[in-house]
PDB file of N, CA and C in Angstrom:
ATOM      1  N   MET A   1      -3.645 -26.740   1.717  1.00  0.00           N
ATOM      2  CA  MET A   1      -3.348 -25.700   2.682  1.00  0.00           C
ATOM      3  C   MET A   1      -2.926 -24.432   1.941  1.00  0.00           C
ATOM      4  N   THR A   2      -3.503 -23.322   2.321  1.00  0.00           N
ATOM      5  CA  THR A   2      -3.221 -22.043   1.693  1.00  0.00           C
ATOM      6  C   THR A   2      -2.018 -21.387   2.368  1.00  0.00           C
ATOM      7  N   THR A   3      -1.088 -20.880   1.557  1.00  0.00           N
ATOM      8  CA  THR A   3       0.104 -20.233   2.095  1.00  0.00           C
ATOM      9  C   THR A   3      -0.175 -18.756   2.393  1.00  0.00           C
ATOM     10  N   LYS A   4       0.717 -18.149   3.158  1.00  0.00           N
ATOM     11  CA  LYS A   4       0.602 -16.716   3.444  1.00  0.00           C
ATOM     12  C   LYS A   4       0.658 -15.904   2.151  1.00  0.00           C
ATOM     13  N   ALA A   5       1.549 -16.293   1.260  1.00  0.00           N
ATOM     14  CA  ALA A   5       1.685 -15.571  -0.008  1.00  0.00           C
ATOM     15  C   ALA A   5       0.375 -15.601  -0.784  1.00  0.00           C
ATOM     16  N   GLU A   6      -0.292 -16.731  -0.791  1.00  0.00           N
ATOM     17  CA  GLU A   6      -1.580 -16.846  -1.486  1.00  0.00           C
ATOM     18  C   GLU A   6      -2.645 -15.982  -0.803  1.00  0.00           C
ATOM     19  N   LEU A   7      -2.637 -15.949   0.515  1.00  0.00           N
ATOM     20  CA  LEU A   7      -3.591 -15.117   1.243  1.00  0.00           C
ATOM     21  C   LEU A   7      -3.334 -13.633   0.985  1.00  0.00           C
ATOM     22  N   TYR A   8      -2.061 -13.243   0.923  1.00  0.00           N
ATOM     23  CA  TYR A   8      -1.716 -11.862   0.611  1.00  0.00           C
ATOM     24  C   TYR A   8      -2.214 -11.491  -0.789  1.00  0.00           C
ATOM     25  N   LEU A   9      -1.967 -12.346  -1.760  1.00  0.00           N
ATOM     26  CA  LEU A   9      -2.400 -12.070  -3.131  1.00  0.00           C
ATOM     27  C   LEU A   9      -3.924 -12.014  -3.234  1.00  0.00           C
ATOM     28  N   LEU A  10      -4.610 -12.852  -2.484  1.00  0.00           N
ATOM     29  CA  LEU A  10      -6.069 -12.824  -2.460  1.00  0.00           C
ATOM     30  C   LEU A  10      -6.561 -11.487  -1.903  1.00  0.00           C
ATOM     31  N   ALA A  11      -5.941 -11.009  -0.840  1.00  0.00           N
ATOM     32  CA  ALA A  11      -6.321  -9.720  -0.252  1.00  0.00           C
ATOM     33  C   ALA A  11      -6.099  -8.587  -1.254  1.00  0.00           C
ATOM     34  N   LEU A  12      -4.976  -8.622  -1.971  1.00  0.00           N
ATOM     35  CA  LEU A  12      -4.707  -7.586  -2.978  1.00  0.00           C
ATOM     36  C   LEU A  12      -5.709  -7.656  -4.117  1.00  0.00           C
ATOM     37  N   SER A  13      -6.031  -8.852  -4.535  1.00  0.00           N
ATOM     38  CA  SER A  13      -7.010  -9.046  -5.612  1.00  0.00           C
ATOM     39  C   SER A  13      -8.381  -8.520  -5.210  1.00  0.00           C
ATOM     40  N   GLU A  14      -8.803  -8.817  -3.982  1.00  0.00           N
ATOM     41  CA  GLU A  14     -10.092  -8.318  -3.486  1.00  0.00           C
ATOM     42  C   GLU A  14     -10.102  -6.790  -3.444  1.00  0.00           C
ATOM     43  N   LEU A  15      -8.992  -6.191  -3.030  1.00  0.00           N
ATOM     44  CA  LEU A  15      -8.883  -4.733  -3.003  1.00  0.00           C
ATOM     45  C   LEU A  15      -9.045  -4.159  -4.407  1.00  0.00           C
ATOM     46  N   GLU A  16      -8.331  -4.729  -5.350  1.00  0.00           N
ATOM     47  CA  GLU A  16      -8.392  -4.219  -6.717  1.00  0.00           C
ATOM     48  C   GLU A  16      -9.786  -4.387  -7.319  1.00  0.00           C
ATOM     49  N   ASN A  17     -10.430  -5.520  -7.062  1.00  0.00           N
ATOM     50  CA  ASN A  17     -11.758  -5.765  -7.619  1.00  0.00           C
ATOM     51  C   ASN A  17     -12.829  -4.882  -6.990  1.00  0.00           C
ATOM     52  N   SER A  18     -12.629  -4.464  -5.757  1.00  0.00           N
ATOM     53  CA  SER A  18     -13.641  -3.670  -5.062  1.00  0.00           C
ATOM     54  C   SER A  18     -13.465  -2.172  -5.256  1.00  0.00           C
ATOM     55  N   THR A  19     -12.364  -1.754  -5.822  1.00  0.00           N
ATOM     56  CA  THR A  19     -12.065  -0.328  -5.855  1.00  0.00           C
ATOM     57  C   THR A  19     -12.071   0.263  -7.260  1.00  0.00           C
ATOM     58  N   GLY A  20     -11.488  -0.386  -8.228  1.00  0.00           N
ATOM     59  CA  GLY A  20     -11.433   0.153  -9.583  1.00  0.00           C
ATOM     60  C   GLY A  20     -10.331   1.174  -9.755  1.00  0.00           C
ATOM     61  N   ASP A  21      -9.828   1.291 -10.978  1.00  0.00           N
ATOM     62  CA  ASP A  21      -8.766   2.217 -11.367  1.00  0.00           C
ATOM     63  C   ASP A  21      -7.499   2.079 -10.525  1.00  0.00           C
ATOM     64  N   ILE A  22      -7.246   0.877 -10.038  1.00  0.00           N
ATOM     65  CA  ILE A  22      -5.986   0.614  -9.344  1.00  0.00           C
ATOM     66  C   ILE A  22      -4.990   0.076 -10.360  1.00  0.00           C
ATOM     67  N   ILE A  23      -3.830   0.667 -10.372  1.00  0.00           N
ATOM     68  CA  ILE A  23      -2.790   0.281 -11.315  1.00  0.00           C
ATOM     69  C   ILE A  23      -1.911  -0.816 -10.744  1.00  0.00           C
ATOM     70  N   SER A  24      -1.560  -0.685  -9.480  1.00  0.00           N
ATOM     71  CA  SER A  24      -0.681  -1.661  -8.861  1.00  0.00           C
ATOM     72  C   SER A  24      -0.857  -1.641  -7.350  1.00  0.00           C
ATOM     73  N   THR A  25      -0.656  -2.790  -6.725  1.00  0.00           N
ATOM     74  CA  THR A  25      -0.682  -2.893  -5.270  1.00  0.00           C
ATOM     75  C   THR A  25       0.480  -3.755  -4.823  1.00  0.00           C
ATOM     76  N   ALA A  26       0.901  -3.540  -3.592  1.00  0.00           N
ATOM     77  CA  ALA A  26       1.985  -4.359  -3.049  1.00  0.00           C
ATOM     78  C   ALA A  26       1.901  -4.389  -1.527  1.00  0.00           C
ATOM     79  N   ILE A  27       2.327  -5.502  -0.987  1.00  0.00           N
ATOM     80  CA  ILE A  27       2.564  -5.628   0.447  1.00  0.00           C
ATOM     81  C   ILE A  27       4.066  -5.755   0.577  1.00  0.00           C
ATOM     82  N   VAL A  28       4.657  -4.835   1.329  1.00  0.00           N
ATOM     83  CA  VAL A  28       6.114  -4.799   1.440  1.00  0.00           C
ATOM     84  C   VAL A  28       6.525  -4.666   2.898  1.00  0.00           C
ATOM     85  N   THR A  29       7.764  -5.018   3.180  1.00  0.00           N
ATOM     86  CA  THR A  29       8.321  -4.776   4.504  1.00  0.00           C
ATOM     87  C   THR A  29       8.650  -3.289   4.618  1.00  0.00           C
ATOM     88  N   HIS A  30       8.957  -2.830   5.805  1.00  0.00           N
ATOM     89  CA  HIS A  30       9.316  -1.429   5.998  1.00  0.00           C
ATOM     90  C   HIS A  30      10.618  -1.082   5.289  1.00  0.00           C
ATOM     91  N   ASP A  31      11.401  -2.105   4.923  1.00  0.00           N
ATOM     92  CA  ASP A  31      12.635  -1.894   4.166  1.00  0.00           C
ATOM     93  C   ASP A  31      12.415  -1.938   2.663  1.00  0.00           C
ATOM     94  N   GLY A  32      11.178  -2.219   2.226  1.00  0.00           N
ATOM     95  CA  GLY A  32      10.868  -2.226   0.802  1.00  0.00           C
ATOM     96  C   GLY A  32      10.982  -3.572   0.121  1.00  0.00           C
ATOM     97  N   LEU A  33      11.108  -4.649   0.885  1.00  0.00           N
ATOM     98  CA  LEU A  33      11.160  -5.981   0.283  1.00  0.00           C
ATOM     99  C   LEU A  33       9.742  -6.466   0.017  1.00  0.00           C
ATOM    100  N   ILE A  34       9.508  -7.019  -1.154  1.00  0.00           N
ATOM    101  CA  ILE A  34       8.163  -7.428  -1.567  1.00  0.00           C
ATOM    102  C   ILE A  34       7.745  -8.710  -0.864  1.00  0.00           C
ATOM    103  N   MET A  35       6.569  -8.653  -0.254  1.00  0.00           N
ATOM    104  CA  MET A  35       5.946  -9.839   0.324  1.00  0.00           C
ATOM    105  C   MET A  35       4.913 -10.392  -0.666  1.00  0.00           C
ATOM    106  N   ALA A  36       4.229  -9.497  -1.376  1.00  0.00           N
ATOM    107  CA  ALA A  36       3.280  -9.848  -2.431  1.00  0.00           C
ATOM    108  C   ALA A  36       3.023  -8.591  -3.251  1.00  0.00           C
ATOM    109  N   SER A  37       2.755  -8.771  -4.538  1.00  0.00           N
ATOM    110  CA  SER A  37       2.430  -7.607  -5.364  1.00  0.00           C
ATOM    111  C   SER A  37       1.664  -8.054  -6.588  1.00  0.00           C
ATOM    112  N   THR A  38       0.948  -7.097  -7.157  1.00  0.00           N
ATOM    113  CA  THR A  38       0.258  -7.350  -8.406  1.00  0.00           C
ATOM    114  C   THR A  38       1.090  -6.775  -9.533  1.00  0.00           C
ATOM    115  N   ARG A  39       0.844  -7.251 -10.684  1.00  0.00           N
ATOM    116  CA  ARG A  39       1.621  -6.839 -11.853  1.00  0.00           C
ATOM    117  C   ARG A  39       1.265  -5.427 -12.270  1.00  0.00           C
ATOM    118  N   SER A  40       2.269  -4.680 -12.632  1.00  0.00           N
ATOM    119  CA  SER A  40       2.063  -3.330 -13.148  1.00  0.00           C
ATOM    120  C   SER A  40       2.833  -3.191 -14.448  1.00  0.00           C
ATOM    121  N   ASP A  41       2.149  -2.699 -15.466  1.00  0.00           N
ATOM    122  CA  ASP A  41       2.815  -2.483 -16.748  1.00  0.00           C
ATOM    123  C   ASP A  41       3.606  -1.181 -16.768  1.00  0.00           C
ATOM    124  N   THR A  42       3.390  -0.340 -15.762  1.00  0.00           N
ATOM    125  CA  THR A  42       4.003   0.987 -15.786  1.00  0.00           C
ATOM    126  C   THR A  42       5.345   1.069 -15.069  1.00  0.00           C
ATOM    127  N   MET A  43       5.677   0.073 -14.254  1.00  0.00           N
ATOM    128  CA  MET A  43       6.927   0.169 -13.501  1.00  0.00           C
ATOM    129  C   MET A  43       7.419  -1.205 -13.046  1.00  0.00           C
ATOM    130  N   HIS A  44       8.622  -1.235 -12.617  1.00  0.00           N
ATOM    131  CA  HIS A  44       9.239  -2.441 -12.081  1.00  0.00           C
ATOM    132  C   HIS A  44       8.745  -2.653 -10.654  1.00  0.00           C
ATOM    133  N   ARG A  45       8.349  -3.865 -10.302  1.00  0.00           N
ATOM    134  CA  ARG A  45       7.783  -4.159  -8.979  1.00  0.00           C
ATOM    135  C   ARG A  45       8.714  -3.780  -7.837  1.00  0.00           C
ATOM    136  N   GLU A  46       9.985  -4.097  -7.984  1.00  0.00           N
ATOM    137  CA  GLU A  46      10.938  -3.807  -6.914  1.00  0.00           C
ATOM    138  C   GLU A  46      11.116  -2.308  -6.706  1.00  0.00           C
ATOM    139  N   THR A  47      11.080  -1.553  -7.791  1.00  0.00           N
ATOM    140  CA  THR A  47      11.188  -0.101  -7.695  1.00  0.00           C
ATOM    141  C   THR A  47       9.978   0.468  -6.976  1.00  0.00           C
ATOM    142  N   PHE A  48       8.795   0.003  -7.347  1.00  0.00           N
ATOM    143  CA  PHE A  48       7.551   0.424  -6.708  1.00  0.00           C
ATOM    144  C   PHE A  48       7.605   0.158  -5.207  1.00  0.00           C
ATOM    145  N   ALA A  49       8.033  -1.023  -4.826  1.00  0.00           N
ATOM    146  CA  ALA A  49       8.102  -1.406  -3.409  1.00  0.00           C
ATOM    147  C   ALA A  49       9.133  -0.567  -2.659  1.00  0.00           C
ATOM    148  N   ALA A  50      10.309  -0.420  -3.227  1.00  0.00           N
ATOM    149  CA  ALA A  50      11.386   0.311  -2.549  1.00  0.00           C
ATOM    150  C   ALA A  50      11.044   1.782  -2.366  1.00  0.00           C
ATOM    151  N   TYR A  51      10.572   2.428  -3.415  1.00  0.00           N
ATOM    152  CA  TYR A  51      10.221   3.845  -3.305  1.00  0.00           C
ATOM    153  C   TYR A  51       9.026   4.061  -2.377  1.00  0.00           C
ATOM    154  N   GLY A  52       8.053   3.169  -2.437  1.00  0.00           N
ATOM    155  CA  GLY A  52       6.893   3.290  -1.559  1.00  0.00           C
ATOM    156  C   GLY A  52       7.278   3.209  -0.093  1.00  0.00           C
ATOM    157  N   ALA A  53       8.122   2.242   0.237  1.00  0.00           N
ATOM    158  CA  ALA A  53       8.564   2.078   1.628  1.00  0.00           C
ATOM    159  C   ALA A  53       9.452   3.240   2.069  1.00  0.00           C
ATOM    160  N   ALA A  54      10.335   3.690   1.193  1.00  0.00           N
ATOM    161  CA  ALA A  54      11.228   4.807   1.539  1.00  0.00           C
ATOM    162  C   ALA A  54      10.431   6.091   1.780  1.00  0.00           C
ATOM    163  N   THR A  55       9.430   6.328   0.971  1.00  0.00           N
ATOM    164  CA  THR A  55       8.599   7.526   1.132  1.00  0.00           C
ATOM    165  C   THR A  55       7.831   7.471   2.449  1.00  0.00           C
ATOM    166  N   PHE A  56       7.275   6.298   2.769  1.00  0.00           N
ATOM    167  CA  PHE A  56       6.547   6.134   4.016  1.00  0.00           C
ATOM    168  C   PHE A  56       7.474   6.337   5.216  1.00  0.00           C
ATOM    169  N   LYS A  57       8.684   5.792   5.115  1.00  0.00           N
ATOM    170  CA  LYS A  57       9.646   5.933   6.206  1.00  0.00           C
ATOM    171  C   LYS A  57      10.003   7.400   6.434  1.00  0.00           C
ATOM    172  N   ARG A  58      10.248   8.120   5.366  1.00  0.00           N
ATOM    173  CA  ARG A  58      10.624   9.539   5.493  1.00  0.00           C
ATOM    174  C   ARG A  58       9.466  10.361   6.056  1.00  0.00           C
ATOM    175  N   ALA A  59       8.251  10.099   5.577  1.00  0.00           N
ATOM    176  CA  ALA A  59       7.079  10.802   6.106  1.00  0.00           C
ATOM    177  C   ALA A  59       6.876  10.450   7.580  1.00  0.00           C
ATOM    178  N   GLY A  60       7.151   9.198   7.937  1.00  0.00           N
ATOM    179  CA  GLY A  60       7.042   8.780   9.332  1.00  0.00           C
ATOM    180  C   GLY A  60       8.036   9.497  10.227  1.00  0.00           C
ATOM    181  N   GLU A  61       9.254   9.673   9.734  1.00  0.00           N
ATOM    182  CA  GLU A  61      10.261  10.416  10.501  1.00  0.00           C
ATOM    183  C   GLU A  61       9.819  11.859  10.703  1.00  0.00           C
ATOM    184  N   THR A  62       9.230  12.441   9.683  1.00  0.00           N
ATOM    185  CA  THR A  62       8.737  13.811   9.787  1.00  0.00           C
ATOM    186  C   THR A  62       7.614  13.911  10.815  1.00  0.00           C
ATOM    187  N   MET A  63       6.656  12.992  10.750  1.00  0.00           N
ATOM    188  CA  MET A  63       5.540  12.985  11.700  1.00  0.00           C
ATOM    189  C   MET A  63       6.053  12.810  13.124  1.00  0.00           C
ATOM    190  N   GLU A  64       6.996  11.911  13.294  1.00  0.00           N
ATOM    191  CA  GLU A  64       7.580  11.664  14.620  1.00  0.00           C
ATOM    192  C   GLU A  64       8.242  12.932  15.159  1.00  0.00           C
ATOM    193  N   GLU A  65       8.969  13.613  14.302  1.00  0.00           N
ATOM    194  CA  GLU A  65       9.663  14.836  14.711  1.00  0.00           C
ATOM    195  C   GLU A  65       8.684  15.948  15.075  1.00  0.00           C
ATOM    196  N   LEU A  66       7.611  16.066  14.299  1.00  0.00           N
ATOM    197  CA  LEU A  66       6.655  17.154  14.512  1.00  0.00           C
ATOM    198  C   LEU A  66       5.677  16.903  15.658  1.00  0.00           C
ATOM    199  N   THR A  67       5.222  15.657  15.801  1.00  0.00           N
ATOM    200  CA  THR A  67       4.141  15.384  16.755  1.00  0.00           C
ATOM    201  C   THR A  67       4.473  14.331  17.803  1.00  0.00           C
ATOM    202  N   GLY A  68       5.546  13.578  17.568  1.00  0.00           N
ATOM    203  CA  GLY A  68       5.875  12.487  18.476  1.00  0.00           C
ATOM    204  C   GLY A  68       5.041  11.238  18.237  1.00  0.00           C
ATOM    205  N   GLU A  69       4.262  11.234  17.154  1.00  0.00           N
ATOM    206  CA  GLU A  69       3.397  10.100  16.837  1.00  0.00           C
ATOM    207  C   GLU A  69       3.899   9.359  15.600  1.00  0.00           C
ATOM    208  N   ASN A  70       3.434   8.112  15.466  1.00  0.00           N
ATOM    209  CA  ASN A  70       3.736   7.317  14.281  1.00  0.00           C
ATOM    210  C   ASN A  70       2.734   7.617  13.182  1.00  0.00           C
ATOM    211  N   ILE A  71       3.168   7.491  11.959  1.00  0.00           N
ATOM    212  CA  ILE A  71       2.292   7.667  10.812  1.00  0.00           C
ATOM    213  C   ILE A  71       1.584   6.334  10.541  1.00  0.00           C
ATOM    214  N   ASP A  72       0.317   6.408  10.174  1.00  0.00           N
ATOM    215  CA  ASP A  72      -0.445   5.205   9.846  1.00  0.00           C
ATOM    216  C   ASP A  72      -0.803   5.141   8.368  1.00  0.00           C
ATOM    217  N   VAL A  73      -1.088   6.291   7.761  1.00  0.00           N
ATOM    218  CA  VAL A  73      -1.476   6.349   6.350  1.00  0.00           C
ATOM    219  C   VAL A  73      -0.785   7.541   5.713  1.00  0.00           C
ATOM    220  N   LEU A  74      -0.289   7.331   4.503  1.00  0.00           N
ATOM    221  CA  LEU A  74       0.320   8.402   3.728  1.00  0.00           C
ATOM    222  C   LEU A  74      -0.367   8.445   2.371  1.00  0.00           C
ATOM    223  N   ILE A  75      -0.799   9.654   1.973  1.00  0.00           N
ATOM    224  CA  ILE A  75      -1.457   9.840   0.678  1.00  0.00           C
ATOM    225  C   ILE A  75      -0.703  10.930  -0.069  1.00  0.00           C
ATOM    226  N   TYR A  76      -0.371  10.654  -1.320  1.00  0.00           N
ATOM    227  CA  TYR A  76       0.187  11.704  -2.156  1.00  0.00           C
ATOM    228  C   TYR A  76      -0.314  11.509  -3.576  1.00  0.00           C
ATOM    229  N   GLU A  77      -0.470  12.632  -4.268  1.00  0.00           N
ATOM    230  CA  GLU A  77      -1.031  12.540  -5.603  1.00  0.00           C
ATOM    231  C   GLU A  77      -0.361  13.506  -6.559  1.00  0.00           C
ATOM    232  N   SER A  78      -0.430  13.143  -7.824  1.00  0.00           N
ATOM    233  CA  SER A  78       0.074  13.976  -8.902  1.00  0.00           C
ATOM    234  C   SER A  78      -1.118  14.306  -9.808  1.00  0.00           C
ATOM    235  N   THR A  79      -0.850  14.823 -10.954  1.00  0.00           N
ATOM    236  CA  THR A  79      -1.919  15.174 -11.873  1.00  0.00           C
ATOM    237  C   THR A  79      -2.738  13.955 -12.279  1.00  0.00           C
ATOM    238  N   ASN A  80      -2.084  12.813 -12.494  1.00  0.00           N
ATOM    239  CA  ASN A  80      -2.775  11.640 -13.031  1.00  0.00           C
ATOM    240  C   ASN A  80      -2.790  10.418 -12.129  1.00  0.00           C
ATOM    241  N   HIS A  81      -2.144  10.481 -10.974  1.00  0.00           N
ATOM    242  CA  HIS A  81      -2.032   9.301 -10.116  1.00  0.00           C
ATOM    243  C   HIS A  81      -2.145   9.668  -8.637  1.00  0.00           C
ATOM    244  N   MET A  82      -2.436   8.655  -7.852  1.00  0.00           N
ATOM    245  CA  MET A  82      -2.460   8.812  -6.399  1.00  0.00           C
ATOM    246  C   MET A  82      -1.830   7.562  -5.792  1.00  0.00           C
ATOM    247  N   VAL A  83      -1.095   7.753  -4.706  1.00  0.00           N
ATOM    248  CA  VAL A  83      -0.519   6.640  -3.966  1.00  0.00           C
ATOM    249  C   VAL A  83      -1.030   6.704  -2.534  1.00  0.00           C
ATOM    250  N   VAL A  84      -1.518   5.569  -2.055  1.00  0.00           N
ATOM    251  CA  VAL A  84      -1.934   5.445  -0.665  1.00  0.00           C
ATOM    252  C   VAL A  84      -1.071   4.353  -0.058  1.00  0.00           C
ATOM    253  N   THR A  85      -0.371   4.677   1.016  1.00  0.00           N
ATOM    254  CA  THR A  85       0.426   3.695   1.733  1.00  0.00           C
ATOM    255  C   THR A  85      -0.116   3.624   3.150  1.00  0.00           C
ATOM    256  N   SER A  86      -0.380   2.402   3.599  1.00  0.00           N
ATOM    257  CA  SER A  86      -0.981   2.200   4.909  1.00  0.00           C
ATOM    258  C   SER A  86      -0.187   1.167   5.693  1.00  0.00           C
ATOM    259  N   ARG A  87      -0.010   1.434   6.969  1.00  0.00           N
ATOM    260  CA  ARG A  87       0.643   0.458   7.842  1.00  0.00           C
ATOM    261  C   ARG A  87      -0.268  -0.761   7.944  1.00  0.00           C
ATOM    262  N   ALA A  88       0.295  -1.944   7.765  1.00  0.00           N
ATOM    263  CA  ALA A  88      -0.478  -3.188   7.809  1.00  0.00           C
ATOM    264  C   ALA A  88       0.146  -4.119   8.843  1.00  0.00           C
ATOM    265  N   GLY A  89       0.105  -3.708  10.095  1.00  0.00           N
ATOM    266  CA  GLY A  89       0.740  -4.462  11.154  1.00  0.00           C
ATOM    267  C   GLY A  89       2.119  -3.920  11.440  1.00  0.00           C
ATOM    268  N   ALA A  90       2.823  -4.619  12.310  1.00  0.00           N
ATOM    269  CA  ALA A  90       4.138  -4.152  12.748  1.00  0.00           C
ATOM    270  C   ALA A  90       5.223  -4.306  11.688  1.00  0.00           C
ATOM    271  N   TYR A  91       5.018  -5.208  10.731  1.00  0.00           N
ATOM    272  CA  TYR A  91       6.102  -5.546   9.809  1.00  0.00           C
ATOM    273  C   TYR A  91       5.802  -5.271   8.347  1.00  0.00           C
ATOM    274  N   ALA A  92       4.598  -4.801   8.023  1.00  0.00           N
ATOM    275  CA  ALA A  92       4.220  -4.679   6.615  1.00  0.00           C
ATOM    276  C   ALA A  92       3.562  -3.343   6.310  1.00  0.00           C
ATOM    277  N   LEU A  93       3.669  -2.968   5.034  1.00  0.00           N
ATOM    278  CA  LEU A  93       2.991  -1.803   4.486  1.00  0.00           C
ATOM    279  C   LEU A  93       2.176  -2.256   3.285  1.00  0.00           C
ATOM    280  N   LEU A  94       1.026  -1.643   3.095  1.00  0.00           N
ATOM    281  CA  LEU A  94       0.218  -1.834   1.897  1.00  0.00           C
ATOM    282  C   LEU A  94       0.382  -0.590   1.054  1.00  0.00           C
ATOM    283  N   ILE A  95       0.797  -0.757  -0.198  1.00  0.00           N
ATOM    284  CA  ILE A  95       0.984   0.373  -1.107  1.00  0.00           C
ATOM    285  C   ILE A  95       0.032   0.196  -2.283  1.00  0.00           C
ATOM    286  N   VAL A  96      -0.717   1.261  -2.576  1.00  0.00           N
ATOM    287  CA  VAL A  96      -1.707   1.226  -3.652  1.00  0.00           C
ATOM    288  C   VAL A  96      -1.451   2.401  -4.585  1.00  0.00           C
ATOM    289  N   LEU A  97      -1.231   2.111  -5.865  1.00  0.00           N
ATOM    290  CA  LEU A  97      -1.087   3.141  -6.895  1.00  0.00           C
ATOM    291  C   LEU A  97      -2.358   3.143  -7.726  1.00  0.00           C
ATOM    292  N   THR A  98      -3.001   4.299  -7.833  1.00  0.00           N
ATOM    293  CA  THR A  98      -4.253   4.397  -8.584  1.00  0.00           C
ATOM    294  C   THR A  98      -4.131   5.426  -9.694  1.00  0.00           C
ATOM    295  N   GLY A  99      -5.094   5.378 -10.581  1.00  0.00           N
ATOM    296  CA  GLY A  99      -5.260   6.430 -11.567  1.00  0.00           C
ATOM    297  C   GLY A  99      -5.994   7.588 -10.915  1.00  0.00           C
ATOM    298  N   LYS A 100      -6.137   8.664 -11.633  1.00  0.00           N
ATOM    299  CA  LYS A 100      -6.762   9.868 -11.090  1.00  0.00           C
ATOM    300  C   LYS A 100      -8.285   9.743 -10.973  1.00  0.00           C
ATOM    301  N   ASN A 101      -8.906   8.809 -11.702  1.00  0.00           N
ATOM    302  CA  ASN A 101     -10.365   8.708 -11.732  1.00  0.00           C
ATOM    303  C   ASN A 101     -10.954   7.899 -10.589  1.00  0.00           C
ATOM    304  N   VAL A 102     -10.156   7.553  -9.615  1.00  0.00           N
ATOM    305  CA  VAL A 102     -10.627   6.755  -8.493  1.00  0.00           C
ATOM    306  C   VAL A 102     -11.238   7.670  -7.432  1.00  0.00           C
ATOM    307  N   GLN A 103     -12.190   7.133  -6.676  1.00  0.00           N
ATOM    308  CA  GLN A 103     -12.773   7.888  -5.573  1.00  0.00           C
ATOM    309  C   GLN A 103     -11.869   7.736  -4.348  1.00  0.00           C
ATOM    310  N   MET A 104     -11.311   8.842  -3.874  1.00  0.00           N
ATOM    311  CA  MET A 104     -10.329   8.796  -2.791  1.00  0.00           C
ATOM    312  C   MET A 104     -10.893   8.136  -1.533  1.00  0.00           C
ATOM    313  N   GLY A 105     -12.119   8.475  -1.161  1.00  0.00           N
ATOM    314  CA  GLY A 105     -12.716   7.888   0.041  1.00  0.00           C
ATOM    315  C   GLY A 105     -12.830   6.379  -0.062  1.00  0.00           C
ATOM    316  N   LEU A 106     -13.210   5.890  -1.228  1.00  0.00           N
ATOM    317  CA  LEU A 106     -13.332   4.448  -1.444  1.00  0.00           C
ATOM    318  C   LEU A 106     -11.975   3.769  -1.352  1.00  0.00           C
ATOM    319  N   VAL A 107     -10.961   4.389  -1.944  1.00  0.00           N
ATOM    320  CA  VAL A 107      -9.610   3.831  -1.869  1.00  0.00           C
ATOM    321  C   VAL A 107      -9.147   3.752  -0.418  1.00  0.00           C
ATOM    322  N   LEU A 108      -9.322   4.829   0.328  1.00  0.00           N
ATOM    323  CA  LEU A 108      -8.888   4.851   1.732  1.00  0.00           C
ATOM    324  C   LEU A 108      -9.611   3.792   2.550  1.00  0.00           C
ATOM    325  N   MET A 109     -10.916   3.718   2.401  1.00  0.00           N
ATOM    326  CA  MET A 109     -11.699   2.748   3.165  1.00  0.00           C
ATOM    327  C   MET A 109     -11.278   1.315   2.828  1.00  0.00           C
ATOM    328  N   ASN A 110     -11.174   1.010   1.538  1.00  0.00           N
ATOM    329  CA  ASN A 110     -10.812  -0.348   1.141  1.00  0.00           C
ATOM    330  C   ASN A 110      -9.355  -0.677   1.464  1.00  0.00           C
ATOM    331  N   ALA A 111      -8.472   0.303   1.368  1.00  0.00           N
ATOM    332  CA  ALA A 111      -7.069   0.077   1.722  1.00  0.00           C
ATOM    333  C   ALA A 111      -6.940  -0.226   3.216  1.00  0.00           C
ATOM    334  N   GLN A 112      -7.687   0.494   4.044  1.00  0.00           N
ATOM    335  CA  GLN A 112      -7.605   0.250   5.481  1.00  0.00           C
ATOM    336  C   GLN A 112      -8.201  -1.116   5.843  1.00  0.00           C
ATOM    337  N   LYS A 113      -9.283  -1.519   5.173  1.00  0.00           N
ATOM    338  CA  LYS A 113      -9.836  -2.861   5.389  1.00  0.00           C
ATOM    339  C   LYS A 113      -8.820  -3.929   4.997  1.00  0.00           C
ATOM    340  N   THR A 114      -8.168  -3.720   3.861  1.00  0.00           N
ATOM    341  CA  THR A 114      -7.165  -4.688   3.391  1.00  0.00           C
ATOM    342  C   THR A 114      -5.968  -4.723   4.328  1.00  0.00           C
ATOM    343  N   ALA A 115      -5.553  -3.573   4.828  1.00  0.00           N
ATOM    344  CA  ALA A 115      -4.429  -3.526   5.770  1.00  0.00           C
ATOM    345  C   ALA A 115      -4.755  -4.332   7.031  1.00  0.00           C
ATOM    346  N   MET A 116      -5.993  -4.264   7.488  1.00  0.00           N
ATOM    347  CA  MET A 116      -6.397  -5.045   8.660  1.00  0.00           C
ATOM    348  C   MET A 116      -6.364  -6.547   8.358  1.00  0.00           C
ATOM    349  N   LYS A 117      -6.790  -6.942   7.154  1.00  0.00           N
ATOM    350  CA  LYS A 117      -6.718  -8.343   6.748  1.00  0.00           C
ATOM    351  C   LYS A 117      -5.266  -8.829   6.748  1.00  0.00           C
ATOM    352  N   ILE A 118      -4.391  -7.981   6.181  1.00  0.00           N
ATOM    353  CA  ILE A 118      -2.976  -8.343   6.119  1.00  0.00           C
ATOM    354  C   ILE A 118      -2.401  -8.500   7.516  1.00  0.00           C
ATOM    355  N   LYS A 119      -2.766  -7.603   8.398  1.00  0.00           N
ATOM    356  CA  LYS A 119      -2.296  -7.666   9.777  1.00  0.00           C
ATOM    357  C   LYS A 119      -2.711  -8.983  10.436  1.00  0.00           C
ATOM    358  N   GLU A 120      -3.943  -9.425  10.156  1.00  0.00           N
ATOM    359  CA  GLU A 120      -4.445 -10.667  10.743  1.00  0.00           C
ATOM    360  C   GLU A 120      -3.766 -11.907  10.181  1.00  0.00           C
ATOM    361  N   ILE A 121      -3.303 -11.821   8.930  1.00  0.00           N
ATOM    362  CA  ILE A 121      -2.616 -12.959   8.313  1.00  0.00           C
ATOM    363  C   ILE A 121      -1.277 -13.145   8.979  1.00  0.00           C
TER     364      ILE A 121
END
């Protein structure tokens, strides 16, 4: 019997294999607790999860204040990296850290597909 944790890791693995130039991925609660994550040599997993969830929460508060709507996807980028955070059901977020050489459209499409898989799990 396959556990939820194994299904989450499989979904993250499929995302990474289908997209390329992904540095790290995680499924976290809205409070930043890790449900599943892939290994990253560049940062501590708990830090990645906590900051990703906190950033999404703050952006969500801003969206709510400005439009009265909930945020579904948050994208931010620096010179060498991009982060895509997507709502994955009522209780989870999918966070993806990529390098700069990734195709943004491909990341968004695959992240949203993965978020739907996570929601179904």
